Amino acid sequence: QMKTFYEEHLHLDDEVRYILEGSGYFDVRDQDDKWIRISMEKGDMITLPAGIYHRFTVDENNYVKAMRLFAGEPVWTAYNRPADDFPARKRYLKSLAQGAE
C-alpha cells in the first residue's frame, strides 16, 4: 500500500492531508524539478495544489495515520509521472510562472 504513495504522482484536485498519528515526509518538486522534503508529524496539515508532483514516505518510525480531507465528492485518483497533459498540471505550472514575476 505505501509503495503507491511513494511513486511520484499528481492529482487533479488539491490534496489536503492531516496527520493523526506518527510521522513521515511529503516530497514535492520545486520549479527546477528538484525535491523538497517536508517533514510531517501528528497535528500537521498540508495542502498540495492540484497538478504538483509529489510522493509520501514514512520516516524511521515506519508508522503514520493520515486523513485526507475533501471539498465535495472524494476523488482518490493518482496519476503517476509523467502526467503533464492534464489541465490541472498546466494550471499549476502557470501559477508558478506568475508567482515568479
PDB file of N, CA and C in Angstrom:
ATOM      1  N   GLN A   1       0.830  -1.203   0.000  1.00  0.00           N
ATOM      2  CA  GLN A   1       0.000   0.000   0.000  1.00  0.00           C
ATOM      3  C   GLN A   1       0.868   1.259   0.000  1.00  0.00           C
ATOM      4  N   MET A   2       1.859   1.337   0.896  1.00  0.00           N
ATOM      5  CA  MET A   2       2.696   2.534   0.968  1.00  0.00           C
ATOM      6  C   MET A   2       3.473   2.773  -0.320  1.00  0.00           C
ATOM      7  N   LYS A   3       3.806   1.701  -1.048  1.00  0.00           N
ATOM      8  CA  LYS A   3       4.552   1.852  -2.288  1.00  0.00           C
ATOM      9  C   LYS A   3       3.813   2.756  -3.264  1.00  0.00           C
ATOM     10  N   THR A   4       2.488   2.665  -3.275  1.00  0.00           N
ATOM     11  CA  THR A   4       1.674   3.507  -4.154  1.00  0.00           C
ATOM     12  C   THR A   4       1.941   4.982  -3.884  1.00  0.00           C
ATOM     13  N   PHE A   5       2.028   5.349  -2.611  1.00  0.00           N
ATOM     14  CA  PHE A   5       2.230   6.743  -2.251  1.00  0.00           C
ATOM     15  C   PHE A   5       3.648   7.208  -2.565  1.00  0.00           C
ATOM     16  N   TYR A   6       4.604   6.257  -2.606  1.00  0.00           N
ATOM     17  CA  TYR A   6       5.978   6.646  -2.865  1.00  0.00           C
ATOM     18  C   TYR A   6       6.238   6.874  -4.352  1.00  0.00           C
ATOM     19  N   GLU A   7       5.376   6.348  -5.209  1.00  0.00           N
ATOM     20  CA  GLU A   7       5.503   6.648  -6.633  1.00  0.00           C
ATOM     21  C   GLU A   7       5.168   8.123  -6.840  1.00  0.00           C
ATOM     22  N   GLU A   8       5.992   8.797  -7.610  1.00  0.00           N
ATOM     23  CA  GLU A   8       5.753  10.210  -7.876  1.00  0.00           C
ATOM     24  C   GLU A   8       4.480  10.358  -8.702  1.00  0.00           C
ATOM     25  N   HIS A   9       3.571  11.239  -8.250  1.00  0.00           N
ATOM     26  CA  HIS A   9       2.275  11.369  -8.912  1.00  0.00           C
ATOM     27  C   HIS A   9       1.689  12.759  -8.684  1.00  0.00           C
ATOM     28  N   LEU A  10       0.566  13.006  -9.324  1.00  0.00           N
ATOM     29  CA  LEU A  10      -0.181  14.239  -9.096  1.00  0.00           C
ATOM     30  C   LEU A  10      -1.660  13.903  -9.006  1.00  0.00           C
ATOM     31  N   HIS A  11      -2.451  14.877  -8.577  1.00  0.00           N
ATOM     32  CA  HIS A  11      -3.899  14.752  -8.517  1.00  0.00           C
ATOM     33  C   HIS A  11      -4.513  15.908  -9.291  1.00  0.00           C
ATOM     34  N   LEU A  12      -5.750  15.727  -9.715  1.00  0.00           N
ATOM     35  CA  LEU A  12      -6.449  16.771 -10.460  1.00  0.00           C
ATOM     36  C   LEU A  12      -7.164  17.747  -9.525  1.00  0.00           C
ATOM     37  N   ASP A  13      -7.154  17.452  -8.231  1.00  0.00           N
ATOM     38  CA  ASP A  13      -7.715  18.335  -7.207  1.00  0.00           C
ATOM     39  C   ASP A  13      -6.653  18.558  -6.140  1.00  0.00           C
ATOM     40  N   ASP A  14      -6.819  19.617  -5.342  1.00  0.00           N
ATOM     41  CA  ASP A  14      -5.914  19.836  -4.214  1.00  0.00           C
ATOM     42  C   ASP A  14      -5.949  18.618  -3.298  1.00  0.00           C
ATOM     43  N   GLU A  15      -4.809  18.289  -2.724  1.00  0.00           N
ATOM     44  CA  GLU A  15      -4.743  17.204  -1.750  1.00  0.00           C
ATOM     45  C   GLU A  15      -4.483  17.821  -0.379  1.00  0.00           C
ATOM     46  N   VAL A  16      -5.428  17.622   0.533  1.00  0.00           N
ATOM     47  CA  VAL A  16      -5.296  18.126   1.895  1.00  0.00           C
ATOM     48  C   VAL A  16      -5.134  16.925   2.816  1.00  0.00           C
ATOM     49  N   ARG A  17      -4.017  16.887   3.534  1.00  0.00           N
ATOM     50  CA  ARG A  17      -3.729  15.774   4.446  1.00  0.00           C
ATOM     51  C   ARG A  17      -3.501  16.304   5.859  1.00  0.00           C
ATOM     52  N   TYR A  18      -4.061  15.572   6.813  1.00  0.00           N
ATOM     53  CA  TYR A  18      -3.888  15.883   8.232  1.00  0.00           C
ATOM     54  C   TYR A  18      -3.292  14.648   8.897  1.00  0.00           C
ATOM     55  N   ILE A  19      -2.195  14.826   9.609  1.00  0.00           N
ATOM     56  CA  ILE A  19      -1.512  13.702  10.250  1.00  0.00           C
ATOM     57  C   ILE A  19      -2.126  13.470  11.630  1.00  0.00           C
ATOM     58  N   LEU A  20      -2.780  12.331  11.783  1.00  0.00           N
ATOM     59  CA  LEU A  20      -3.441  11.971  13.041  1.00  0.00           C
ATOM     60  C   LEU A  20      -2.472  11.348  14.031  1.00  0.00           C
ATOM     61  N   GLU A  21      -1.573  10.511  13.529  1.00  0.00           N
ATOM     62  CA  GLU A  21      -0.590   9.829  14.375  1.00  0.00           C
ATOM     63  C   GLU A  21       0.655   9.566  13.544  1.00  0.00           C
ATOM     64  N   GLY A  22       1.782   9.405  14.220  1.00  0.00           N
ATOM     65  CA  GLY A  22       3.013   9.040  13.527  1.00  0.00           C
ATOM     66  C   GLY A  22       3.635  10.206  12.783  1.00  0.00           C
ATOM     67  N   SER A  23       4.441   9.865  11.781  1.00  0.00           N
ATOM     68  CA  SER A  23       5.193  10.893  11.070  1.00  0.00           C
ATOM     69  C   SER A  23       5.672  10.354   9.727  1.00  0.00           C
ATOM     70  N   GLY A  24       6.100  11.278   8.878  1.00  0.00           N
ATOM     71  CA  GLY A  24       6.615  10.900   7.564  1.00  0.00           C
ATOM     72  C   GLY A  24       7.012  12.138   6.779  1.00  0.00           C
ATOM     73  N   TYR A  25       7.210  11.943   5.493  1.00  0.00           N
ATOM     74  CA  TYR A  25       7.680  13.025   4.632  1.00  0.00           C
ATOM     75  C   TYR A  25       6.838  13.119   3.366  1.00  0.00           C
ATOM     76  N   PHE A  26       6.455  14.343   3.031  1.00  0.00           N
ATOM     77  CA  PHE A  26       5.965  14.629   1.686  1.00  0.00           C
ATOM     78  C   PHE A  26       7.146  15.193   0.919  1.00  0.00           C
ATOM     79  N   ASP A  27       7.412  14.634  -0.229  1.00  0.00           N
ATOM     80  CA  ASP A  27       8.422  15.171  -1.139  1.00  0.00           C
ATOM     81  C   ASP A  27       7.682  15.843  -2.279  1.00  0.00           C
ATOM     82  N   VAL A  28       8.040  17.097  -2.553  1.00  0.00           N
ATOM     83  CA  VAL A  28       7.442  17.844  -3.665  1.00  0.00           C
ATOM     84  C   VAL A  28       8.562  18.373  -4.554  1.00  0.00           C
ATOM     85  N   ARG A  29       8.226  18.688  -5.785  1.00  0.00           N
ATOM     86  CA  ARG A  29       9.209  19.232  -6.732  1.00  0.00           C
ATOM     87  C   ARG A  29       9.177  20.752  -6.728  1.00  0.00           C
ATOM     88  N   ASP A  30      10.365  21.370  -6.753  1.00  0.00           N
ATOM     89  CA  ASP A  30      10.416  22.827  -6.881  1.00  0.00           C
ATOM     90  C   ASP A  30      10.395  23.217  -8.355  1.00  0.00           C
ATOM     91  N   GLN A  31      10.544  24.510  -8.620  1.00  0.00           N
ATOM     92  CA  GLN A  31      10.460  24.995 -10.003  1.00  0.00           C
ATOM     93  C   GLN A  31      11.571  24.445 -10.892  1.00  0.00           C
ATOM     94  N   ASP A  32      12.681  24.034 -10.285  1.00  0.00           N
ATOM     95  CA  ASP A  32      13.790  23.459 -11.055  1.00  0.00           C
ATOM     96  C   ASP A  32      13.726  21.934 -11.080  1.00  0.00           C
ATOM     97  N   ASP A  33      12.588  21.374 -10.657  1.00  0.00           N
ATOM     98  CA  ASP A  33      12.342  19.939 -10.656  1.00  0.00           C
ATOM     99  C   ASP A  33      13.193  19.189  -9.634  1.00  0.00           C
ATOM    100  N   LYS A  34      13.692  19.917  -8.632  1.00  0.00           N
ATOM    101  CA  LYS A  34      14.451  19.283  -7.555  1.00  0.00           C
ATOM    102  C   LYS A  34      13.505  18.972  -6.390  1.00  0.00           C
ATOM    103  N   TRP A  35      13.835  17.923  -5.625  1.00  0.00           N
ATOM    104  CA  TRP A  35      12.986  17.524  -4.500  1.00  0.00           C
ATOM    105  C   TRP A  35      13.122  18.478  -3.332  1.00  0.00           C
ATOM    106  N   ILE A  36      11.992  18.759  -2.685  1.00  0.00           N
ATOM    107  CA  ILE A  36      11.945  19.433  -1.393  1.00  0.00           C
ATOM    108  C   ILE A  36      11.254  18.459  -0.447  1.00  0.00           C
ATOM    109  N   ARG A  37      11.877  18.162   0.675  1.00  0.00           N
ATOM    110  CA  ARG A  37      11.312  17.208   1.652  1.00  0.00           C
ATOM    111  C   ARG A  37      10.651  17.988   2.787  1.00  0.00           C
ATOM    112  N   ILE A  38       9.392  17.664   3.048  1.00  0.00           N
ATOM    113  CA  ILE A  38       8.613  18.326   4.092  1.00  0.00           C
ATOM    114  C   ILE A  38       8.314  17.295   5.180  1.00  0.00           C
ATOM    115  N   SER A  39       8.850  17.535   6.360  1.00  0.00           N
ATOM    116  CA  SER A  39       8.636  16.633   7.490  1.00  0.00           C
ATOM    117  C   SER A  39       7.256  16.894   8.082  1.00  0.00           C
ATOM    118  N   MET A  40       6.508  15.819   8.313  1.00  0.00           N
ATOM    119  CA  MET A  40       5.149  15.915   8.843  1.00  0.00           C
ATOM    120  C   MET A  40       5.039  15.038  10.085  1.00  0.00           C
ATOM    121  N   GLU A  41       4.355  15.546  11.114  1.00  0.00           N
ATOM    122  CA  GLU A  41       4.111  14.747  12.314  1.00  0.00           C
ATOM    123  C   GLU A  41       2.720  15.037  12.838  1.00  0.00           C
ATOM    124  N   LYS A  42       2.337  14.317  13.864  1.00  0.00           N
ATOM    125  CA  LYS A  42       0.993  14.427  14.437  1.00  0.00           C
ATOM    126  C   LYS A  42       0.587  15.882  14.614  1.00  0.00           C
ATOM    127  N   GLY A  43      -0.606  16.215  14.105  1.00  0.00           N
ATOM    128  CA  GLY A  43      -1.141  17.568  14.220  1.00  0.00           C
ATOM    129  C   GLY A  43      -0.831  18.457  13.031  1.00  0.00           C
ATOM    130  N   ASP A  44       0.054  18.022  12.133  1.00  0.00           N
ATOM    131  CA  ASP A  44       0.387  18.820  10.948  1.00  0.00           C
ATOM    132  C   ASP A  44      -0.638  18.613   9.847  1.00  0.00           C
ATOM    133  N   MET A  45      -0.850  19.666   9.062  1.00  0.00           N
ATOM    134  CA  MET A  45      -1.725  19.589   7.909  1.00  0.00           C
ATOM    135  C   MET A  45      -1.003  20.231   6.728  1.00  0.00           C
ATOM    136  N   ILE A  46      -1.230  19.678   5.547  1.00  0.00           N
ATOM    137  CA  ILE A  46      -0.608  20.208   4.332  1.00  0.00           C
ATOM    138  C   ILE A  46      -1.640  20.226   3.216  1.00  0.00           C
ATOM    139  N   THR A  47      -1.557  21.245   2.379  1.00  0.00           N
ATOM    140  CA  THR A  47      -2.365  21.302   1.162  1.00  0.00           C
ATOM    141  C   THR A  47      -1.415  21.308  -0.024  1.00  0.00           C
ATOM    142  N   LEU A  48      -1.526  20.277  -0.851  1.00  0.00           N
ATOM    143  CA  LEU A  48      -0.731  20.194  -2.070  1.00  0.00           C
ATOM    144  C   LEU A  48      -1.632  20.613  -3.223  1.00  0.00           C
ATOM    145  N   PRO A  49      -1.211  21.634  -3.990  1.00  0.00           N
ATOM    146  CA  PRO A  49      -2.085  22.102  -5.067  1.00  0.00           C
ATOM    147  C   PRO A  49      -2.262  21.063  -6.171  1.00  0.00           C
ATOM    148  N   ALA A  50      -3.432  21.076  -6.792  1.00  0.00           N
ATOM    149  CA  ALA A  50      -3.682  20.202  -7.937  1.00  0.00           C
ATOM    150  C   ALA A  50      -2.563  20.393  -8.944  1.00  0.00           C
ATOM    151  N   GLY A  51      -2.062  19.284  -9.496  1.00  0.00           N
ATOM    152  CA  GLY A  51      -1.048  19.355 -10.547  1.00  0.00           C
ATOM    153  C   GLY A  51       0.390  19.311 -10.073  1.00  0.00           C
ATOM    154  N   ILE A  52       0.645  19.361  -8.746  1.00  0.00           N
ATOM    155  CA  ILE A  52       2.033  19.309  -8.265  1.00  0.00           C
ATOM    156  C   ILE A  52       2.467  17.841  -8.155  1.00  0.00           C
ATOM    157  N   TYR A  53       3.653  17.545  -8.673  1.00  0.00           N
ATOM    158  CA  TYR A  53       4.206  16.201  -8.498  1.00  0.00           C
ATOM    159  C   TYR A  53       4.675  16.043  -7.064  1.00  0.00           C
ATOM    160  N   HIS A  54       4.347  14.901  -6.467  1.00  0.00           N
ATOM    161  CA  HIS A  54       4.708  14.656  -5.076  1.00  0.00           C
ATOM    162  C   HIS A  54       4.720  13.164  -4.797  1.00  0.00           C
ATOM    163  N   ARG A  55       5.211  12.826  -3.612  1.00  0.00           N
ATOM    164  CA  ARG A  55       5.188  11.450  -3.115  1.00  0.00           C
ATOM    165  C   ARG A  55       5.205  11.531  -1.589  1.00  0.00           C
ATOM    166  N   PHE A  56       4.910  10.412  -0.948  1.00  0.00           N
ATOM    167  CA  PHE A  56       4.917  10.363   0.509  1.00  0.00           C
ATOM    168  C   PHE A  56       5.654   9.116   0.955  1.00  0.00           C
ATOM    169  N   THR A  57       6.396   9.243   2.044  1.00  0.00           N
ATOM    170  CA  THR A  57       7.057   8.087   2.643  1.00  0.00           C
ATOM    171  C   THR A  57       7.084   8.255   4.157  1.00  0.00           C
ATOM    172  N   VAL A  58       7.088   7.138   4.850  1.00  0.00           N
ATOM    173  CA  VAL A  58       7.243   7.195   6.308  1.00  0.00           C
ATOM    174  C   VAL A  58       8.704   7.483   6.632  1.00  0.00           C
ATOM    175  N   ASP A  59       8.949   7.872   7.870  1.00  0.00           N
ATOM    176  CA  ASP A  59      10.327   8.077   8.321  1.00  0.00           C
ATOM    177  C   ASP A  59      10.800   6.836   9.076  1.00  0.00           C
ATOM    178  N   GLU A  60      11.843   6.982   9.880  1.00  0.00           N
ATOM    179  CA  GLU A  60      12.427   5.817  10.561  1.00  0.00           C
ATOM    180  C   GLU A  60      11.456   5.171  11.559  1.00  0.00           C
ATOM    181  N   ASN A  61      10.417   5.878  11.986  1.00  0.00           N
ATOM    182  CA  ASN A  61       9.402   5.289  12.877  1.00  0.00           C
ATOM    183  C   ASN A  61       8.490   4.308  12.138  1.00  0.00           C
ATOM    184  N   ASN A  62       8.457   4.408  10.826  1.00  0.00           N
ATOM    185  CA  ASN A  62       7.719   3.466   9.974  1.00  0.00           C
ATOM    186  C   ASN A  62       6.229   3.374  10.321  1.00  0.00           C
ATOM    187  N   TYR A  63       5.633   4.503  10.730  1.00  0.00           N
ATOM    188  CA  TYR A  63       4.202   4.500  11.042  1.00  0.00           C
ATOM    189  C   TYR A  63       3.615   5.890  10.838  1.00  0.00           C
ATOM    190  N   VAL A  64       2.487   5.921  10.143  1.00  0.00           N
ATOM    191  CA  VAL A  64       1.742   7.168  10.015  1.00  0.00           C
ATOM    192  C   VAL A  64       0.267   6.825   9.845  1.00  0.00           C
ATOM    193  N   LYS A  65      -0.570   7.645  10.432  1.00  0.00           N
ATOM    194  CA  LYS A  65      -2.013   7.558  10.213  1.00  0.00           C
ATOM    195  C   LYS A  65      -2.439   8.945   9.774  1.00  0.00           C
ATOM    196  N   ALA A  66      -2.855   9.047   8.523  1.00  0.00           N
ATOM    197  CA  ALA A  66      -3.191  10.347   7.947  1.00  0.00           C
ATOM    198  C   ALA A  66      -4.627  10.329   7.443  1.00  0.00           C
ATOM    199  N   MET A  67      -5.246  11.486   7.478  1.00  0.00           N
ATOM    200  CA  MET A  67      -6.601  11.647   6.979  1.00  0.00           C
ATOM    201  C   MET A  67      -6.537  12.581   5.772  1.00  0.00           C
ATOM    202  N   ARG A  68      -7.255  12.222   4.731  1.00  0.00           N
ATOM    203  CA  ARG A  68      -7.344  13.116   3.575  1.00  0.00           C
ATOM    204  C   ARG A  68      -8.690  13.825   3.629  1.00  0.00           C
ATOM    205  N   LEU A  69      -8.654  15.126   3.471  1.00  0.00           N
ATOM    206  CA  LEU A  69      -9.857  15.940   3.525  1.00  0.00           C
ATOM    207  C   LEU A  69     -10.239  16.370   2.111  1.00  0.00           C
ATOM    208  N   PHE A  70     -11.538  16.360   1.842  1.00  0.00           N
ATOM    209  CA  PHE A  70     -12.032  16.724   0.512  1.00  0.00           C
ATOM    210  C   PHE A  70     -13.048  17.847   0.618  1.00  0.00           C
ATOM    211  N   ALA A  71     -13.090  18.689  -0.413  1.00  0.00           N
ATOM    212  CA  ALA A  71     -14.180  19.644  -0.594  1.00  0.00           C
ATOM    213  C   ALA A  71     -15.079  19.024  -1.654  1.00  0.00           C
ATOM    214  N   GLY A  72     -16.270  18.645  -1.278  1.00  0.00           N
ATOM    215  CA  GLY A  72     -17.162  17.993  -2.237  1.00  0.00           C
ATOM    216  C   GLY A  72     -16.922  16.502  -2.304  1.00  0.00           C
ATOM    217  N   GLU A  73     -17.177  15.932  -3.463  1.00  0.00           N
ATOM    218  CA  GLU A  73     -17.096  14.485  -3.677  1.00  0.00           C
ATOM    219  C   GLU A  73     -15.639  14.006  -3.605  1.00  0.00           C
ATOM    220  N   PRO A  74     -15.366  12.962  -2.796  1.00  0.00           N
ATOM    221  CA  PRO A  74     -13.986  12.465  -2.712  1.00  0.00           C
ATOM    222  C   PRO A  74     -13.492  11.883  -4.043  1.00  0.00           C
ATOM    223  N   VAL A  75     -12.301  12.303  -4.444  1.00  0.00           N
ATOM    224  CA  VAL A  75     -11.650  11.767  -5.645  1.00  0.00           C
ATOM    225  C   VAL A  75     -10.252  11.333  -5.223  1.00  0.00           C
ATOM    226  N   TRP A  76      -9.962  10.039  -5.380  1.00  0.00           N
ATOM    227  CA  TRP A  76      -8.706   9.483  -4.891  1.00  0.00           C
ATOM    228  C   TRP A  76      -7.685   9.225  -5.990  1.00  0.00           C
ATOM    229  N   THR A  77      -8.049   9.434  -7.234  1.00  0.00           N
ATOM    230  CA  THR A  77      -7.195   9.019  -8.342  1.00  0.00           C
ATOM    231  C   THR A  77      -5.847   9.735  -8.326  1.00  0.00           C
ATOM    232  N   ALA A  78      -4.780   8.946  -8.412  1.00  0.00           N
ATOM    233  CA  ALA A  78      -3.417   9.473  -8.537  1.00  0.00           C
ATOM    234  C   ALA A  78      -2.919   9.147  -9.935  1.00  0.00           C
ATOM    235  N   TYR A  79      -2.252  10.093 -10.552  1.00  0.00           N
ATOM    236  CA  TYR A  79      -1.694   9.901 -11.892  1.00  0.00           C
ATOM    237  C   TYR A  79      -0.176   9.947 -11.789  1.00  0.00           C
ATOM    238  N   ASN A  80       0.470   8.811 -12.019  1.00  0.00           N
ATOM    239  CA  ASN A  80       1.921   8.745 -11.904  1.00  0.00           C
ATOM    240  C   ASN A  80       2.584   9.564 -13.007  1.00  0.00           C
ATOM    241  N   ARG A  81       3.744  10.096 -12.661  1.00  0.00           N
ATOM    242  CA  ARG A  81       4.521  10.873 -13.618  1.00  0.00           C
ATOM    243  C   ARG A  81       4.993   9.969 -14.736  1.00  0.00           C
ATOM    244  N   PRO A  82       4.938  10.381 -15.993  1.00  0.00           N
ATOM    245  CA  PRO A  82       4.565  11.704 -16.490  1.00  0.00           C
ATOM    246  C   PRO A  82       3.051  11.867 -16.641  1.00  0.00           C
ATOM    247  N   ALA A  83       2.556  13.012 -16.222  1.00  0.00           N
ATOM    248  CA  ALA A  83       1.138  13.338 -16.349  1.00  0.00           C
ATOM    249  C   ALA A  83       1.006  14.819 -16.697  1.00  0.00           C
ATOM    250  N   ASP A  84       1.837  15.256 -17.631  1.00  0.00           N
ATOM    251  CA  ASP A  84       1.939  16.687 -17.936  1.00  0.00           C
ATOM    252  C   ASP A  84       0.812  17.234 -18.802  1.00  0.00           C
ATOM    253  N   ASP A  85      -0.013  16.369 -19.375  1.00  0.00           N
ATOM    254  CA  ASP A  85      -1.045  16.835 -20.300  1.00  0.00           C
ATOM    255  C   ASP A  85      -2.352  17.234 -19.619  1.00  0.00           C
ATOM    256  N   PHE A  86      -2.474  16.955 -18.313  1.00  0.00           N
ATOM    257  CA  PHE A  86      -3.711  17.306 -17.618  1.00  0.00           C
ATOM    258  C   PHE A  86      -3.824  18.818 -17.432  1.00  0.00           C
ATOM    259  N   PRO A  87      -5.009  19.381 -17.624  1.00  0.00           N
ATOM    260  CA  PRO A  87      -5.202  20.821 -17.388  1.00  0.00           C
ATOM    261  C   PRO A  87      -4.766  21.250 -15.984  1.00  0.00           C
ATOM    262  N   ALA A  88      -4.960  20.399 -14.969  1.00  0.00           N
ATOM    263  CA  ALA A  88      -4.546  20.760 -13.602  1.00  0.00           C
ATOM    264  C   ALA A  88      -3.041  20.976 -13.535  1.00  0.00           C
ATOM    265  N   ARG A  89      -2.257  20.167 -14.251  1.00  0.00           N
ATOM    266  CA  ARG A  89      -0.800  20.325 -14.269  1.00  0.00           C
ATOM    267  C   ARG A  89      -0.429  21.633 -14.959  1.00  0.00           C
ATOM    268  N   LYS A  90      -1.086  21.913 -16.059  1.00  0.00           N
ATOM    269  CA  LYS A  90      -0.792  23.151 -16.803  1.00  0.00           C
ATOM    270  C   LYS A  90      -1.150  24.388 -15.984  1.00  0.00           C
ATOM    271  N   ARG A  91      -2.280  24.330 -15.252  1.00  0.00           N
ATOM    272  CA  ARG A  91      -2.663  25.451 -14.384  1.00  0.00           C
ATOM    273  C   ARG A  91      -1.641  25.644 -13.271  1.00  0.00           C
ATOM    274  N   TYR A  92      -1.174  24.540 -12.702  1.00  0.00           N
ATOM    275  CA  TYR A  92      -0.180  24.621 -11.631  1.00  0.00           C
ATOM    276  C   TYR A  92       1.111  25.268 -12.149  1.00  0.00           C
ATOM    277  N   LEU A  93       1.589  24.827 -13.302  1.00  0.00           N
ATOM    278  CA  LEU A  93       2.821  25.406 -13.875  1.00  0.00           C
ATOM    279  C   LEU A  93       2.636  26.892 -14.179  1.00  0.00           C
ATOM    280  N   LYS A  94       1.448  27.247 -14.671  1.00  0.00           N
ATOM    281  CA  LYS A  94       1.169  28.653 -14.967  1.00  0.00           C
ATOM    282  C   LYS A  94       1.193  29.474 -13.679  1.00  0.00           C
ATOM    283  N   SER A  95       0.647  28.923 -12.597  1.00  0.00           N
ATOM    284  CA  SER A  95       0.644  29.649 -11.312  1.00  0.00           C
ATOM    285  C   SER A  95       2.064  29.854 -10.798  1.00  0.00           C
ATOM    286  N   LEU A  96       2.945  28.886 -11.039  1.00  0.00           N
ATOM    287  CA  LEU A  96       4.350  29.034 -10.644  1.00  0.00           C
ATOM    288  C   LEU A  96       4.999  30.179 -11.428  1.00  0.00           C
ATOM    289  N   ALA A  97       4.739  30.194 -12.713  1.00  0.00           N
ATOM    290  CA  ALA A  97       5.324  31.234 -13.568  1.00  0.00           C
ATOM    291  C   ALA A  97       4.837  32.617 -13.148  1.00  0.00           C
ATOM    292  N   GLN A  98       3.574  32.733 -12.803  1.00  0.00           N
ATOM    293  CA  GLN A  98       3.023  34.027 -12.366  1.00  0.00           C
ATOM    294  C   GLN A  98       3.612  34.455 -11.035  1.00  0.00           C
ATOM    295  N   GLY A  99       3.854  33.473 -10.153  1.00  0.00           N
ATOM    296  CA  GLY A  99       4.424  33.783  -8.847  1.00  0.00           C
ATOM    297  C   GLY A  99       5.867  34.251  -8.930  1.00  0.00           C
ATOM    298  N   ALA A 100       6.554  33.871  -9.992  1.00  0.00           N
ATOM    299  CA  ALA A 100       7.969  34.230 -10.152  1.00  0.00           C
ATOM    300  C   ALA A 100       8.152  35.636 -10.722  1.00  0.00           C
ATOM    301  N   GLU A 101       7.080  36.211 -11.219  1.00  0.00           N
ATOM    302  CA  GLU A 101       7.195  37.545 -11.832  1.00  0.00           C
ATOM    303  C   GLU A 101       7.343  38.641 -10.816  1.00  0.00           C
TER     304      GLU A 101
END
